[in-house]
Amino acid sequence: MKPVIFGLSGHELTPDERAFFRDVDPLGYILFKRNCGDRVQMKALTDSLRELSGRADVPILIDQEGGRVSRMQPPEWPEFPAGAAFDALYDVAPISAIEAARANAHALALMLAEAGVNVNCAPLLDVRQPEVTPAIGDRAFGGDPMRVAALGQAMLEGMRRGGVVGVVKHMPGHGRALVDSHYELPRVAADAAALETDIEPFARLNDAPMGMTCHVVFDAWDAERPATLSPIVIEQIIRGRIGFDGLLMTDDIDMKALSGTAGQKAASALAAGCDVVLDCWARMDEMIEIAGRIPDATDACMARLERAMATVAGGPQQADFGALIAKRDTLLAEV
C-alpha cells in the first residue's frame, strides 16, 4: 500500500483511474464537489472505491466542515453552520454550544456515512487571531484555545457517533498566517512562548485519530521549512510537544505554499515524518509521479491507520437526523 490519499476526477472512476488505483493501492481517497452529484451517484462511487481496494474500511475523505467549506451542497444535501456559529453561542452559554456542536457533528456524520464517506477533514482547531488571512476566519471555533478544544472535542465525538473519523487540522496551527497557503507560503514570526496558544487545542486533543499538517513556516521552530516538510516541527512539536500519535497526513501538497514537483513534495513530506500524503486534484501525471517517488506505507503508518479506523468500526449509532438538527437549531437560537 502506498501512503497517499488521491482525489478523483468526476462522478465515477474513469478506466485509467481504476487501473492506476488497482496497481498502486493508495491508502485512501478524497472527494470534492466535482465528485458529489446526488445520493445515488455518490454512494455508487464510494462503493466502487471499497470494491476496488478490497478494504471495507478504506478511508474515503471529504472536507465537510460546514459553512463555506462544504463539498456536499444544497439542494441535494442540507447546509451546516460554520464554526463561528458555535463560537458565538459559547459567549452566551458554553454548555449549550458544546451540545449544539456535538448534535451538529452527529447529524453531519450521518449524512456522510449514508453517502459512504467515513473520514471528515474536521474539526479545525486553529486558534483565530485578529487581522490575519481570511483563509481561516469564520471556519474557526474562536480565539480562545480552551474554547476551540472544547468545541473541537464535541465535533470529534459527534462524528464518531455518526460513524465518521475526524481529522484535527491544521497542525501545529494556522491561525496566525498572514497569507493564504493555497496561494503562497505563510511565515509566522511569533516566538515559542506565543505559539503555546496555537498548539494548546491540539495538545488537549492529542488522542485524536487523525491529524493534518499546515504549510506554514514557524520561525521559532524551523525558519527554513514549512511544517509539512520539517522534521523538527513534526518530531519535536507535533509528535513531541503536542504528543500526537495519530495518523498524520499533509494538507494538499498541490497548494502553492510548497515548491517542487508533486513527487518531490510527497517524498519530502514523508521523509520529514508525515505518515500520509494528500494529493487532491486527480491529475494522472502527478499521481503517477508521486506513486513512483514514495515508498510503501511504514508499519507505524499502518498501525495508526488501523487504530483510527477502529474507532468507527461499529458504524453509526442509531439516531434521528431531524431530531439532531432540531436540537442544534434550538440551541443556536439562544444567541
C-alpha atoms as a PDB file:
ATOM      1  CA  MET A   1       0.000   0.000   0.000  1.00  0.00           C
ATOM      2  CA  LYS A   2       1.250   3.474  -0.884  1.00  0.00           C
ATOM      3  CA  PRO A   3       0.887   6.136   1.855  1.00  0.00           C
ATOM      4  CA  VAL A   4      -1.077   8.574  -0.261  1.00  0.00           C
ATOM      5  CA  ILE A   5      -4.662   9.783  -0.473  1.00  0.00           C
ATOM      6  CA  PHE A   6      -5.684  10.615  -4.036  1.00  0.00           C
ATOM      7  CA  GLY A   7      -8.523  12.664  -5.495  1.00  0.00           C
ATOM      8  CA  LEU A   8     -10.844  11.539  -8.291  1.00  0.00           C
ATOM      9  CA  SER A   9     -11.786  13.406 -11.437  1.00  0.00           C
ATOM     10  CA  GLY A  10     -15.576  13.069 -11.537  1.00  0.00           C
ATOM     11  CA  HIS A  11     -18.785  11.299 -10.592  1.00  0.00           C
ATOM     12  CA  GLU A  12     -17.361   7.858 -11.291  1.00  0.00           C
ATOM     13  CA  LEU A  13     -13.972   6.259 -11.751  1.00  0.00           C
ATOM     14  CA  THR A  14     -12.511   6.514 -15.237  1.00  0.00           C
ATOM     15  CA  PRO A  15     -10.955   3.365 -16.733  1.00  0.00           C
ATOM     16  CA  ASP A  16      -7.493   4.919 -16.302  1.00  0.00           C
ATOM     17  CA  GLU A  17      -8.152   5.764 -12.665  1.00  0.00           C
ATOM     18  CA  ARG A  18      -9.488   2.296 -11.972  1.00  0.00           C
ATOM     19  CA  ALA A  19      -6.405   0.636 -13.481  1.00  0.00           C
ATOM     20  CA  PHE A  20      -3.981   3.023 -11.775  1.00  0.00           C
ATOM     21  CA  PHE A  21      -5.569   2.750  -8.335  1.00  0.00           C
ATOM     22  CA  ARG A  22      -5.717  -1.030  -8.605  1.00  0.00           C
ATOM     23  CA  ASP A  23      -1.979  -1.164  -9.299  1.00  0.00           C
ATOM     24  CA  VAL A  24      -0.884   1.452  -6.746  1.00  0.00           C
ATOM     25  CA  ASP A  25      -3.287   0.619  -3.886  1.00  0.00           C
ATOM     26  CA  PRO A  26      -3.383   4.090  -2.286  1.00  0.00           C
ATOM     27  CA  LEU A  27      -4.154   4.314   1.410  1.00  0.00           C
ATOM     28  CA  GLY A  28      -7.349   6.211   0.693  1.00  0.00           C
ATOM     29  CA  TYR A  29      -9.282   8.702  -1.413  1.00  0.00           C
ATOM     30  CA  ILE A  30     -10.662  12.227  -1.003  1.00  0.00           C
ATOM     31  CA  LEU A  31     -13.841  13.623  -2.568  1.00  0.00           C
ATOM     32  CA  PHE A  32     -14.631  17.173  -3.683  1.00  0.00           C
ATOM     33  CA  LYS A  33     -17.659  18.980  -5.079  1.00  0.00           C
ATOM     34  CA  ARG A  34     -16.828  17.598  -8.526  1.00  0.00           C
ATOM     35  CA  ASN A  35     -17.439  14.093  -7.127  1.00  0.00           C
ATOM     36  CA  CYS A  36     -20.738  14.824  -5.358  1.00  0.00           C
ATOM     37  CA  GLY A  37     -23.709  14.723  -7.720  1.00  0.00           C
ATOM     38  CA  ASP A  38     -26.567  13.141  -5.798  1.00  0.00           C
ATOM     39  CA  ARG A  39     -27.147  10.482  -3.165  1.00  0.00           C
ATOM     40  CA  VAL A  40     -27.383   7.529  -5.527  1.00  0.00           C
ATOM     41  CA  GLN A  41     -24.336   8.541  -7.579  1.00  0.00           C
ATOM     42  CA  MET A  42     -22.191   9.291  -4.552  1.00  0.00           C
ATOM     43  CA  LYS A  43     -22.973   6.000  -2.811  1.00  0.00           C
ATOM     44  CA  ALA A  44     -22.195   4.136  -6.036  1.00  0.00           C
ATOM     45  CA  LEU A  45     -18.859   5.945  -6.253  1.00  0.00           C
ATOM     46  CA  THR A  46     -17.834   5.166  -2.671  1.00  0.00           C
ATOM     47  CA  ASP A  47     -18.979   1.555  -3.079  1.00  0.00           C
ATOM     48  CA  SER A  48     -16.761   1.270  -6.156  1.00  0.00           C
ATOM     49  CA  LEU A  49     -13.774   2.542  -4.186  1.00  0.00           C
ATOM     50  CA  ARG A  50     -14.334  -0.060  -1.477  1.00  0.00           C
ATOM     51  CA  GLU A  51     -14.716  -2.805  -4.040  1.00  0.00           C
ATOM     52  CA  LEU A  52     -11.588  -1.705  -5.899  1.00  0.00           C
ATOM     53  CA  SER A  53      -9.449  -1.536  -2.763  1.00  0.00           C
ATOM     54  CA  GLY A  54     -10.777  -4.756  -1.266  1.00  0.00           C
ATOM     55  CA  ARG A  55     -10.989  -2.953   2.101  1.00  0.00           C
ATOM     56  CA  ALA A  56     -14.363  -2.316   3.696  1.00  0.00           C
ATOM     57  CA  ASP A  57     -12.769   0.377   5.867  1.00  0.00           C
ATOM     58  CA  VAL A  58     -10.692   2.094   3.177  1.00  0.00           C
ATOM     59  CA  PRO A  59     -10.550   5.775   4.204  1.00  0.00           C
ATOM     60  CA  ILE A  60     -12.815   7.895   1.987  1.00  0.00           C
ATOM     61  CA  LEU A  61     -12.334  11.516   2.976  1.00  0.00           C
ATOM     62  CA  ILE A  62     -14.152  14.779   2.407  1.00  0.00           C
ATOM     63  CA  ASP A  63     -13.896  18.396   3.626  1.00  0.00           C
ATOM     64  CA  GLN A  64     -17.346  18.992   5.084  1.00  0.00           C
ATOM     65  CA  GLU A  65     -16.725  21.486   7.873  1.00  0.00           C
ATOM     66  CA  GLY A  66     -19.935  23.440   7.349  1.00  0.00           C
ATOM     67  CA  GLY A  67     -20.234  26.991   6.088  1.00  0.00           C
ATOM     68  CA  ARG A  68     -18.078  27.841   3.084  1.00  0.00           C
ATOM     69  CA  VAL A  69     -16.082  24.602   3.280  1.00  0.00           C
ATOM     70  CA  SER A  70     -18.758  22.137   2.175  1.00  0.00           C
ATOM     71  CA  ARG A  71     -18.386  19.745  -0.760  1.00  0.00           C
ATOM     72  CA  MET A  72     -21.868  18.203  -0.473  1.00  0.00           C
ATOM     73  CA  GLN A  73     -24.202  21.122  -1.116  1.00  0.00           C
ATOM     74  CA  PRO A  74     -27.887  22.048  -1.408  1.00  0.00           C
ATOM     75  CA  PRO A  75     -30.308  21.243  -2.798  1.00  0.00           C
ATOM     76  CA  GLU A  76     -29.211  17.613  -2.605  1.00  0.00           C
ATOM     77  CA  TRP A  77     -27.813  17.937   0.928  1.00  0.00           C
ATOM     78  CA  PRO A  78     -28.627  20.409   3.731  1.00  0.00           C
ATOM     79  CA  GLU A  79     -26.372  23.252   4.793  1.00  0.00           C
ATOM     80  CA  PHE A  80     -24.465  23.080   8.073  1.00  0.00           C
ATOM     81  CA  PRO A  81     -23.157  26.095  10.019  1.00  0.00           C
ATOM     82  CA  ALA A  82     -19.517  27.117  10.208  1.00  0.00           C
ATOM     83  CA  GLY A  83     -17.512  27.089  13.420  1.00  0.00           C
ATOM     84  CA  ALA A  84     -18.230  30.750  14.154  1.00  0.00           C
ATOM     85  CA  ALA A  85     -21.880  29.930  14.969  1.00  0.00           C
ATOM     86  CA  PHE A  86     -20.828  27.747  17.890  1.00  0.00           C
ATOM     87  CA  ASP A  87     -18.237  30.292  18.982  1.00  0.00           C
ATOM     88  CA  ALA A  88     -20.971  32.926  19.221  1.00  0.00           C
ATOM     89  CA  LEU A  89     -23.214  30.631  21.276  1.00  0.00           C
ATOM     90  CA  TYR A  90     -20.298  29.817  23.592  1.00  0.00           C
ATOM     91  CA  ASP A  91     -20.199  33.517  24.566  1.00  0.00           C
ATOM     92  CA  VAL A  92     -23.732  33.171  25.902  1.00  0.00           C
ATOM     93  CA  ALA A  93     -23.983  29.536  27.027  1.00  0.00           C
ATOM     94  CA  PRO A  94     -20.866  27.334  26.854  1.00  0.00           C
ATOM     95  CA  ILE A  95     -22.637  24.063  27.669  1.00  0.00           C
ATOM     96  CA  SER A  96     -25.298  24.750  25.052  1.00  0.00           C
ATOM     97  CA  ALA A  97     -22.577  25.495  22.490  1.00  0.00           C
ATOM     98  CA  ILE A  98     -20.857  22.187  23.198  1.00  0.00           C
ATOM     99  CA  GLU A  99     -24.151  20.289  22.958  1.00  0.00           C
ATOM    100  CA  ALA A 100     -25.040  22.083  19.726  1.00  0.00           C
ATOM    101  CA  ALA A 101     -21.647  21.284  18.201  1.00  0.00           C
ATOM    102  CA  ARG A 102     -21.973  17.626  19.174  1.00  0.00           C
ATOM    103  CA  ALA A 103     -25.502  17.283  17.745  1.00  0.00           C
ATOM    104  CA  ASN A 104     -24.477  19.121  14.578  1.00  0.00           C
ATOM    105  CA  ALA A 105     -21.482  16.837  14.071  1.00  0.00           C
ATOM    106  CA  HIS A 106     -23.539  13.699  14.710  1.00  0.00           C
ATOM    107  CA  ALA A 107     -26.083  14.752  12.068  1.00  0.00           C
ATOM    108  CA  LEU A 108     -23.302  15.744   9.668  1.00  0.00           C
ATOM    109  CA  ALA A 109     -21.668  12.350  10.085  1.00  0.00           C
ATOM    110  CA  LEU A 110     -24.931  10.510   9.459  1.00  0.00           C
ATOM    111  CA  MET A 111     -25.210  12.384   6.166  1.00  0.00           C
ATOM    112  CA  LEU A 112     -21.633  11.475   5.239  1.00  0.00           C
ATOM    113  CA  ALA A 113     -21.978   7.849   6.273  1.00  0.00           C
ATOM    114  CA  GLU A 114     -25.127   7.476   4.164  1.00  0.00           C
ATOM    115  CA  ALA A 115     -23.021   8.549   1.173  1.00  0.00           C
ATOM    116  CA  GLY A 116     -20.243   6.098   2.069  1.00  0.00           C
ATOM    117  CA  VAL A 117     -17.786   8.673   3.457  1.00  0.00           C
ATOM    118  CA  ASN A 118     -16.022   7.557   6.639  1.00  0.00           C
ATOM    119  CA  VAL A 119     -13.451  10.325   7.286  1.00  0.00           C
ATOM    120  CA  ASN A 120     -14.135  14.063   7.540  1.00  0.00           C
ATOM    121  CA  CYS A 121     -11.325  16.632   7.469  1.00  0.00           C
ATOM    122  CA  ALA A 122     -12.616  18.430  10.562  1.00  0.00           C
ATOM    123  CA  PRO A 123     -12.571  19.820  13.221  1.00  0.00           C
ATOM    124  CA  LEU A 124     -10.452  22.859  12.536  1.00  0.00           C
ATOM    125  CA  LEU A 125      -8.500  23.588  15.738  1.00  0.00           C
ATOM    126  CA  ASP A 126      -6.720  26.707  14.528  1.00  0.00           C
ATOM    127  CA  VAL A 127      -6.937  29.499  17.105  1.00  0.00           C
ATOM    128  CA  ARG A 128      -8.197  32.562  15.281  1.00  0.00           C
ATOM    129  CA  GLN A 129      -6.043  35.661  15.620  1.00  0.00           C
ATOM    130  CA  PRO A 130      -7.126  39.203  14.659  1.00  0.00           C
ATOM    131  CA  GLU A 131      -6.113  40.781  11.366  1.00  0.00           C
ATOM    132  CA  VAL A 132      -4.838  37.663   9.624  1.00  0.00           C
ATOM    133  CA  THR A 133      -5.759  35.853   6.415  1.00  0.00           C
ATOM    134  CA  PRO A 134      -9.480  35.144   5.939  1.00  0.00           C
ATOM    135  CA  ALA A 135      -8.471  31.599   4.914  1.00  0.00           C
ATOM    136  CA  ILE A 136      -9.388  30.624   8.493  1.00  0.00           C
ATOM    137  CA  GLY A 137     -11.857  33.328   9.557  1.00  0.00           C
ATOM    138  CA  ASP A 138     -15.354  32.023  10.369  1.00  0.00           C
ATOM    139  CA  ARG A 139     -14.180  28.444   9.952  1.00  0.00           C
ATOM    140  CA  ALA A 140     -12.556  28.632  13.399  1.00  0.00           C
ATOM    141  CA  PHE A 141     -14.195  27.929  16.752  1.00  0.00           C
ATOM    142  CA  GLY A 142     -12.757  31.173  18.100  1.00  0.00           C
ATOM    143  CA  GLY A 143      -9.696  32.837  19.539  1.00  0.00           C
ATOM    144  CA  ASP A 144      -9.562  31.138  22.936  1.00  0.00           C
ATOM    145  CA  PRO A 145      -7.656  27.832  22.862  1.00  0.00           C
ATOM    146  CA  MET A 146      -9.689  26.166  25.614  1.00  0.00           C
ATOM    147  CA  ARG A 147     -12.935  27.014  23.798  1.00  0.00           C
ATOM    148  CA  VAL A 148     -11.540  25.760  20.497  1.00  0.00           C
ATOM    149  CA  ALA A 149     -10.543  22.485  22.157  1.00  0.00           C
ATOM    150  CA  ALA A 150     -13.934  22.041  23.847  1.00  0.00           C
ATOM    151  CA  LEU A 151     -15.900  22.611  20.649  1.00  0.00           C
ATOM    152  CA  GLY A 152     -13.421  20.524  18.650  1.00  0.00           C
ATOM    153  CA  GLN A 153     -13.818  17.643  21.085  1.00  0.00           C
ATOM    154  CA  ALA A 154     -17.593  17.863  20.756  1.00  0.00           C
ATOM    155  CA  MET A 155     -17.282  17.680  16.980  1.00  0.00           C
ATOM    156  CA  LEU A 156     -14.983  14.660  17.151  1.00  0.00           C
ATOM    157  CA  GLU A 157     -17.409  12.901  19.497  1.00  0.00           C
ATOM    158  CA  GLY A 158     -20.439  13.707  17.373  1.00  0.00           C
ATOM    159  CA  MET A 159     -18.825  12.482  14.178  1.00  0.00           C
ATOM    160  CA  ARG A 160     -17.639   9.295  15.861  1.00  0.00           C
ATOM    161  CA  ARG A 161     -21.219   8.617  16.975  1.00  0.00           C
ATOM    162  CA  GLY A 162     -22.227   9.018  13.344  1.00  0.00           C
ATOM    163  CA  GLY A 163     -19.591   6.541  12.161  1.00  0.00           C
ATOM    164  CA  VAL A 164     -17.080   9.060  10.803  1.00  0.00           C
ATOM    165  CA  VAL A 165     -13.437   9.602  11.801  1.00  0.00           C
ATOM    166  CA  GLY A 166     -12.374  13.196  12.414  1.00  0.00           C
ATOM    167  CA  VAL A 167      -9.124  14.854  11.289  1.00  0.00           C
ATOM    168  CA  VAL A 168      -7.840  17.676  13.505  1.00  0.00           C
ATOM    169  CA  LYS A 169      -6.251  20.454  11.473  1.00  0.00           C
ATOM    170  CA  HIS A 170      -4.029  22.332  10.699  1.00  0.00           C
ATOM    171  CA  MET A 171      -1.207  21.170  12.968  1.00  0.00           C
ATOM    172  CA  PRO A 172       0.558  22.872  14.693  1.00  0.00           C
ATOM    173  CA  GLY A 173      -1.735  25.863  13.965  1.00  0.00           C
ATOM    174  CA  HIS A 174      -2.701  28.068  11.008  1.00  0.00           C
ATOM    175  CA  GLY A 175      -4.348  30.873  12.980  1.00  0.00           C
ATOM    176  CA  ARG A 176      -1.503  33.421  12.698  1.00  0.00           C
ATOM    177  CA  ALA A 177      -0.909  33.103   8.959  1.00  0.00           C
ATOM    178  CA  LEU A 178      -0.963  36.468   7.198  1.00  0.00           C
ATOM    179  CA  VAL A 179      -1.411  34.934   3.733  1.00  0.00           C
ATOM    180  CA  ASP A 180      -3.417  32.010   2.376  1.00  0.00           C
ATOM    181  CA  SER A 181      -1.283  28.868   1.957  1.00  0.00           C
ATOM    182  CA  HIS A 182      -3.421  27.878  -1.020  1.00  0.00           C
ATOM    183  CA  TYR A 183      -1.625  30.644  -2.925  1.00  0.00           C
ATOM    184  CA  GLU A 184       1.648  31.478  -1.127  1.00  0.00           C
ATOM    185  CA  LEU A 185       3.809  30.377   1.775  1.00  0.00           C
ATOM    186  CA  PRO A 186       2.867  31.946   5.136  1.00  0.00           C
ATOM    187  CA  ARG A 187       5.614  32.769   7.646  1.00  0.00           C
ATOM    188  CA  VAL A 188       4.844  33.184  11.336  1.00  0.00           C
ATOM    189  CA  ALA A 189       7.330  35.278  13.328  1.00  0.00           C
ATOM    190  CA  ALA A 190       5.786  34.706  16.789  1.00  0.00           C
ATOM    191  CA  ASP A 191       8.131  33.356  19.436  1.00  0.00           C
ATOM    192  CA  ALA A 192       7.817  29.926  21.034  1.00  0.00           C
ATOM    193  CA  ALA A 193       6.032  31.310  24.089  1.00  0.00           C
ATOM    194  CA  ALA A 194       3.321  32.931  21.978  1.00  0.00           C
ATOM    195  CA  LEU A 195       2.911  29.759  19.921  1.00  0.00           C
ATOM    196  CA  GLU A 196       1.881  27.862  23.049  1.00  0.00           C
ATOM    197  CA  THR A 197      -1.567  29.375  22.442  1.00  0.00           C
ATOM    198  CA  ASP A 198      -1.673  27.893  18.945  1.00  0.00           C
ATOM    199  CA  ILE A 199      -0.725  24.376  19.922  1.00  0.00           C
ATOM    200  CA  GLU A 200      -2.884  24.180  23.051  1.00  0.00           C
ATOM    201  CA  PRO A 201      -6.048  22.833  21.361  1.00  0.00           C
ATOM    202  CA  PHE A 202      -4.010  20.162  19.570  1.00  0.00           C
ATOM    203  CA  ALA A 203      -2.297  19.178  22.822  1.00  0.00           C
ATOM    204  CA  ARG A 204      -5.649  18.929  24.607  1.00  0.00           C
ATOM    205  CA  LEU A 205      -6.962  16.669  21.809  1.00  0.00           C
ATOM    206  CA  ASN A 206      -3.725  14.793  21.140  1.00  0.00           C
ATOM    207  CA  ASP A 207      -5.578  11.473  21.218  1.00  0.00           C
ATOM    208  CA  ALA A 208      -7.482  12.375  18.034  1.00  0.00           C
ATOM    209  CA  PRO A 209      -7.372   9.532  15.480  1.00  0.00           C
ATOM    210  CA  MET A 210      -6.071  11.614  12.556  1.00  0.00           C
ATOM    211  CA  GLY A 211      -4.393  14.972  12.059  1.00  0.00           C
ATOM    212  CA  MET A 212      -3.390  17.243   9.179  1.00  0.00           C
ATOM    213  CA  THR A 213      -0.332  19.477   8.922  1.00  0.00           C
ATOM    214  CA  CYS A 214      -0.186  23.066   7.701  1.00  0.00           C
ATOM    215  CA  HIS A 215       2.089  24.561   5.055  1.00  0.00           C
ATOM    216  CA  VAL A 216       3.344  27.351   7.320  1.00  0.00           C
ATOM    217  CA  VAL A 217       6.896  28.326   8.295  1.00  0.00           C
ATOM    218  CA  PHE A 218       7.325  28.956  12.024  1.00  0.00           C
ATOM    219  CA  ASP A 219      10.495  30.969  12.611  1.00  0.00           C
ATOM    220  CA  ALA A 220      10.661  29.908  16.256  1.00  0.00           C
ATOM    221  CA  TRP A 221      10.887  26.230  15.323  1.00  0.00           C
ATOM    222  CA  ASP A 222      12.265  25.903  11.798  1.00  0.00           C
ATOM    223  CA  ALA A 223      12.848  29.071   9.787  1.00  0.00           C
ATOM    224  CA  GLU A 224      13.821  27.116   6.671  1.00  0.00           C
ATOM    225  CA  ARG A 225      10.922  24.724   6.077  1.00  0.00           C
ATOM    226  CA  PRO A 226       7.113  24.741   6.363  1.00  0.00           C
ATOM    227  CA  ALA A 227       5.677  22.417   8.992  1.00  0.00           C
ATOM    228  CA  THR A 228       4.654  19.777   6.437  1.00  0.00           C
ATOM    229  CA  LEU A 229       8.272  19.377   5.296  1.00  0.00           C
ATOM    230  CA  SER A 230      10.006  19.953   8.627  1.00  0.00           C
ATOM    231  CA  PRO A 231      11.340  17.005  10.644  1.00  0.00           C
ATOM    232  CA  ILE A 232      11.843  19.456  13.516  1.00  0.00           C
ATOM    233  CA  VAL A 233       8.212  20.575  13.616  1.00  0.00           C
ATOM    234  CA  ILE A 234       6.822  17.081  13.081  1.00  0.00           C
ATOM    235  CA  GLU A 235       9.029  15.228  15.554  1.00  0.00           C
ATOM    236  CA  GLN A 236       9.656  17.866  18.206  1.00  0.00           C
ATOM    237  CA  ILE A 237       6.396  19.835  18.118  1.00  0.00           C
ATOM    238  CA  ILE A 238       3.605  17.655  16.683  1.00  0.00           C
ATOM    239  CA  ARG A 239       4.795  14.276  17.957  1.00  0.00           C
ATOM    240  CA  GLY A 240       6.734  15.682  20.918  1.00  0.00           C
ATOM    241  CA  ARG A 241       5.333  18.842  22.493  1.00  0.00           C
ATOM    242  CA  ILE A 242       1.753  18.219  21.344  1.00  0.00           C
ATOM    243  CA  GLY A 243       2.028  14.472  21.927  1.00  0.00           C
ATOM    244  CA  PHE A 244       0.004  13.470  18.868  1.00  0.00           C
ATOM    245  CA  ASP A 245       0.390   9.810  17.869  1.00  0.00           C
ATOM    246  CA  GLY A 246      -2.476   9.513  15.406  1.00  0.00           C
ATOM    247  CA  LEU A 247      -2.266   9.185  11.636  1.00  0.00           C
ATOM    248  CA  LEU A 248      -0.627  12.380  10.353  1.00  0.00           C
ATOM    249  CA  MET A 249      -1.428  13.489   6.810  1.00  0.00           C
ATOM    250  CA  THR A 250      -0.249  16.509   4.879  1.00  0.00           C
ATOM    251  CA  ASP A 251      -2.532  19.274   3.768  1.00  0.00           C
ATOM    252  CA  ASP A 252      -2.958  19.163  -0.014  1.00  0.00           C
ATOM    253  CA  ILE A 253       0.564  19.124  -1.464  1.00  0.00           C
ATOM    254  CA  ASP A 254      -0.683  20.914  -4.581  1.00  0.00           C
ATOM    255  CA  MET A 255      -1.133  24.147  -2.622  1.00  0.00           C
ATOM    256  CA  LYS A 256       1.152  26.946  -3.811  1.00  0.00           C
ATOM    257  CA  ALA A 257       2.828  27.294  -0.416  1.00  0.00           C
ATOM    258  CA  LEU A 258       5.028  24.332  -1.378  1.00  0.00           C
ATOM    259  CA  SER A 259       7.508  24.340  -4.239  1.00  0.00           C
ATOM    260  CA  GLY A 260       8.816  21.495  -6.389  1.00  0.00           C
ATOM    261  CA  THR A 261       7.134  18.742  -8.362  1.00  0.00           C
ATOM    262  CA  ALA A 262       4.322  16.680  -6.888  1.00  0.00           C
ATOM    263  CA  GLY A 263       6.643  13.715  -6.414  1.00  0.00           C
ATOM    264  CA  GLN A 264       9.355  15.799  -4.782  1.00  0.00           C
ATOM    265  CA  LYS A 265       6.920  17.354  -2.326  1.00  0.00           C
ATOM    266  CA  ALA A 266       5.361  13.998  -1.487  1.00  0.00           C
ATOM    267  CA  ALA A 267       8.713  12.317  -0.871  1.00  0.00           C
ATOM    268  CA  SER A 268       9.929  15.245   1.253  1.00  0.00           C
ATOM    269  CA  ALA A 269       6.796  15.218   3.412  1.00  0.00           C
ATOM    270  CA  LEU A 270       7.144  11.501   4.142  1.00  0.00           C
ATOM    271  CA  ALA A 271      10.855  11.877   4.834  1.00  0.00           C
ATOM    272  CA  ALA A 272      10.039  14.651   7.311  1.00  0.00           C
ATOM    273  CA  GLY A 273       7.789  12.317   9.293  1.00  0.00           C
ATOM    274  CA  CYS A 274       4.275  12.605   7.858  1.00  0.00           C
ATOM    275  CA  ASP A 275       2.508   9.250   7.610  1.00  0.00           C
ATOM    276  CA  VAL A 276       0.444  10.026   4.515  1.00  0.00           C
ATOM    277  CA  VAL A 277       0.490  12.448   1.587  1.00  0.00           C
ATOM    278  CA  LEU A 278      -2.720  14.181   0.498  1.00  0.00           C
ATOM    279  CA  ASP A 279      -2.925  14.884  -3.250  1.00  0.00           C
ATOM    280  CA  CYS A 280      -6.337  16.193  -4.210  1.00  0.00           C
ATOM    281  CA  TRP A 281      -6.604  17.121  -7.865  1.00  0.00           C
ATOM    282  CA  ALA A 282      -6.682  13.822  -9.763  1.00  0.00           C
ATOM    283  CA  ARG A 283      -4.028  14.830 -12.297  1.00  0.00           C
ATOM    284  CA  MET A 284      -2.870  11.485 -13.615  1.00  0.00           C
ATOM    285  CA  ASP A 285       0.675  12.586 -14.481  1.00  0.00           C
ATOM    286  CA  GLU A 286       1.204  13.915 -10.964  1.00  0.00           C
ATOM    287  CA  MET A 287      -0.313  10.849  -9.329  1.00  0.00           C
ATOM    288  CA  ILE A 288       1.967   8.595 -11.375  1.00  0.00           C
ATOM    289  CA  GLU A 289       4.990  10.649 -10.341  1.00  0.00           C
ATOM    290  CA  ILE A 290       4.007  10.521  -6.668  1.00  0.00           C
ATOM    291  CA  ALA A 291       3.459   6.764  -6.745  1.00  0.00           C
ATOM    292  CA  GLY A 292       6.876   6.304  -8.320  1.00  0.00           C
ATOM    293  CA  ARG A 293       8.669   8.526  -5.820  1.00  0.00           C
ATOM    294  CA  ILE A 294       7.303   7.358  -2.476  1.00  0.00           C
ATOM    295  CA  PRO A 295       7.950   4.127  -0.553  1.00  0.00           C
ATOM    296  CA  ASP A 296       5.311   1.736   0.735  1.00  0.00           C
ATOM    297  CA  ALA A 297       3.494   2.647   3.936  1.00  0.00           C
ATOM    298  CA  THR A 298       5.524   2.029   7.077  1.00  0.00           C
ATOM    299  CA  ASP A 299       4.467  -0.320   9.859  1.00  0.00           C
ATOM    300  CA  ALA A 300       3.887   2.723  12.073  1.00  0.00           C
ATOM    301  CA  CYS A 301       1.614   4.274   9.461  1.00  0.00           C
ATOM    302  CA  MET A 302      -0.403   1.084   9.098  1.00  0.00           C
ATOM    303  CA  ALA A 303      -0.761   0.714  12.872  1.00  0.00           C
ATOM    304  CA  ARG A 304      -2.010   4.294  13.189  1.00  0.00           C
ATOM    305  CA  LEU A 305      -4.423   3.772  10.304  1.00  0.00           C
ATOM    306  CA  GLU A 306      -5.815   0.621  11.902  1.00  0.00           C
ATOM    307  CA  ARG A 307      -6.300   2.378  15.246  1.00  0.00           C
ATOM    308  CA  ALA A 308      -8.022   5.328  13.614  1.00  0.00           C
ATOM    309  CA  MET A 309     -10.477   3.296  11.570  1.00  0.00           C
ATOM    310  CA  ALA A 310     -11.220   1.024  14.541  1.00  0.00           C
ATOM    311  CA  THR A 311     -12.805   3.997  16.339  1.00  0.00           C
ATOM    312  CA  VAL A 312     -15.803   3.766  13.984  1.00  0.00           C
ATOM    313  CA  ALA A 313     -15.753   0.026  13.371  1.00  0.00           C
ATOM    314  CA  GLY A 314     -19.241  -0.357  14.820  1.00  0.00           C
ATOM    315  CA  GLY A 315     -20.743   2.023  12.272  1.00  0.00           C
ATOM    316  CA  PRO A 316     -23.130   4.905  13.005  1.00  0.00           C
ATOM    317  CA  GLN A 317     -25.118   4.933  16.230  1.00  0.00           C
ATOM    318  CA  GLN A 318     -28.837   4.933  15.612  1.00  0.00           C
ATOM    319  CA  ALA A 319     -30.198   8.467  15.811  1.00  0.00           C
ATOM    320  CA  ASP A 320     -32.877  10.624  14.242  1.00  0.00           C
ATOM    321  CA  PHE A 321     -31.268  13.065  11.797  1.00  0.00           C
ATOM    322  CA  GLY A 322     -34.126  15.555  12.041  1.00  0.00           C
ATOM    323  CA  ALA A 323     -34.094  15.492  15.830  1.00  0.00           C
ATOM    324  CA  LEU A 324     -30.378  16.222  15.910  1.00  0.00           C
ATOM    325  CA  ILE A 325     -30.805  19.175  13.542  1.00  0.00           C
ATOM    326  CA  ALA A 326     -33.728  20.471  15.591  1.00  0.00           C
ATOM    327  CA  LYS A 327     -31.687  20.213  18.792  1.00  0.00           C
ATOM    328  CA  ARG A 328     -28.818  22.109  17.203  1.00  0.00           C
ATOM    329  CA  ASP A 329     -31.055  24.864  15.860  1.00  0.00           C
ATOM    330  CA  THR A 330     -32.894  25.273  19.149  1.00  0.00           C
ATOM    331  CA  LEU A 331     -29.619  25.712  20.984  1.00  0.00           C
ATOM    332  CA  LEU A 332     -28.148  28.076  18.394  1.00  0.00           C
ATOM    333  CA  ALA A 333     -31.275  30.233  18.709  1.00  0.00           C
ATOM    334  CA  GLU A 334     -30.153  31.143  22.240  1.00  0.00           C
ATOM    335  CA  VAL A 335     -27.706  33.655  20.738  1.00  0.00           C
END
